[in-house]
């Protein structure tokens, strides 16, 4: 569903609840990485700041887990997940 020059961003689990959104669309730009996108979103402040905080956020690009240095491209789907904890 992403437009030609856009990236779809999805949030899961508590991130979806705390940010009060399941997804959004951002414009792709040359050299944008998943980590930079996370930082850009965190700069919105409020609950968004947690994206760049002490707790790591897991990242998937096009449904494959990846690292923050992954370069993003138009049409990509990026998903952010809170860290998984178990008991």
Protein backbone atom coordinates (compact mmCIF):
# COMPACT_ATOMS: atom_id res chain seq x y z
CA UNK A 1 0.00 0.00 0.00
CA UNK A 2 3.00 2.30 0.24
CA UNK A 3 3.14 5.05 -2.36
CA UNK A 4 6.08 5.16 -4.74
CA UNK A 5 8.42 7.24 -2.57
CA UNK A 6 7.12 6.20 0.86
CA UNK A 7 8.03 3.77 3.59
CA UNK A 8 5.31 2.12 5.67
CA UNK A 9 6.11 1.96 9.38
CA UNK A 10 4.24 -0.46 11.64
CA UNK A 11 4.25 -0.72 15.43
CA UNK A 12 3.48 -3.86 17.42
CA UNK A 13 2.61 -4.91 20.98
CA UNK A 14 3.00 -2.21 23.65
CA UNK A 15 4.54 0.24 21.16
CA UNK A 16 1.27 0.27 19.22
CA UNK A 17 -0.67 0.94 22.42
CA UNK A 18 1.68 3.57 23.85
CA UNK A 19 2.09 5.46 20.56
CA UNK A 20 -1.64 5.15 19.87
CA UNK A 21 -1.04 4.13 16.26
CA UNK A 22 -0.60 0.86 14.39
CA UNK A 23 1.12 2.36 11.35
CA UNK A 24 2.19 5.50 9.57
CA UNK A 25 3.83 6.49 6.32
CA UNK A 26 7.08 8.43 5.99
CA UNK A 27 8.84 9.76 2.94
CA UNK A 28 11.88 7.79 1.86
CA UNK A 29 15.09 9.73 1.51
CA UNK A 30 18.50 8.66 0.21
CA UNK A 31 20.65 6.93 2.82
CA UNK A 32 17.90 6.67 5.44
CA UNK A 33 18.57 3.76 7.78
CA UNK A 34 16.18 1.98 10.13
CA UNK A 35 18.09 3.43 13.08
CA UNK A 36 17.83 6.98 11.73
CA UNK A 37 14.11 6.50 11.16
CA UNK A 38 13.77 5.36 14.78
CA UNK A 39 15.68 8.44 15.93
CA UNK A 40 13.59 10.75 13.72
CA UNK A 41 10.37 9.34 15.18
CA UNK A 42 11.74 9.64 18.74
CA UNK A 43 12.29 13.35 18.16
CA UNK A 44 8.51 13.79 18.12
CA UNK A 45 8.78 13.71 21.92
CA UNK A 46 6.33 12.37 24.47
CA UNK A 47 5.82 8.62 24.21
CA UNK A 48 7.73 8.65 20.91
CA UNK A 49 10.97 9.42 22.80
CA UNK A 50 11.09 5.82 24.06
CA UNK A 51 12.00 4.68 20.54
CA UNK A 52 15.47 6.15 21.02
CA UNK A 53 15.76 5.35 24.71
CA UNK A 54 17.52 2.84 26.92
CA UNK A 55 15.31 -0.09 25.93
CA UNK A 56 16.22 -1.55 22.56
CA UNK A 57 13.59 -1.77 19.85
CA UNK A 58 13.59 -4.75 17.52
CA UNK A 59 13.44 -3.92 13.80
CA UNK A 60 12.12 -5.85 10.82
CA UNK A 61 12.31 -4.63 7.22
CA UNK A 62 10.03 -6.39 4.74
CA UNK A 63 9.31 -9.02 7.43
CA UNK A 64 12.98 -9.89 8.02
CA UNK A 65 14.65 -9.02 11.32
CA UNK A 66 17.51 -6.58 10.77
CA UNK A 67 19.90 -4.16 12.43
CA UNK A 68 19.61 -0.35 12.74
CA UNK A 69 22.19 0.23 9.99
CA UNK A 70 19.90 -1.32 7.35
CA UNK A 71 19.35 1.19 4.53
CA UNK A 72 15.70 1.74 3.68
CA UNK A 73 14.23 2.13 0.21
CA UNK A 74 10.92 3.43 -1.19
CA UNK A 75 8.23 0.80 -0.81
CA UNK A 76 9.85 -0.88 2.21
CA UNK A 77 7.78 -1.91 5.19
CA UNK A 78 9.51 -1.32 8.53
CA UNK A 79 8.15 -2.84 11.73
CA UNK A 80 9.21 -1.91 15.25
CA UNK A 81 8.70 -4.29 18.18
CA UNK A 82 9.46 -3.91 21.87
CA UNK A 83 12.09 -6.29 23.26
CA UNK A 84 10.72 -9.76 23.89
CA UNK A 85 10.77 -10.86 27.50
CA UNK A 86 9.96 -14.28 28.76
CA UNK A 87 9.47 -16.10 31.97
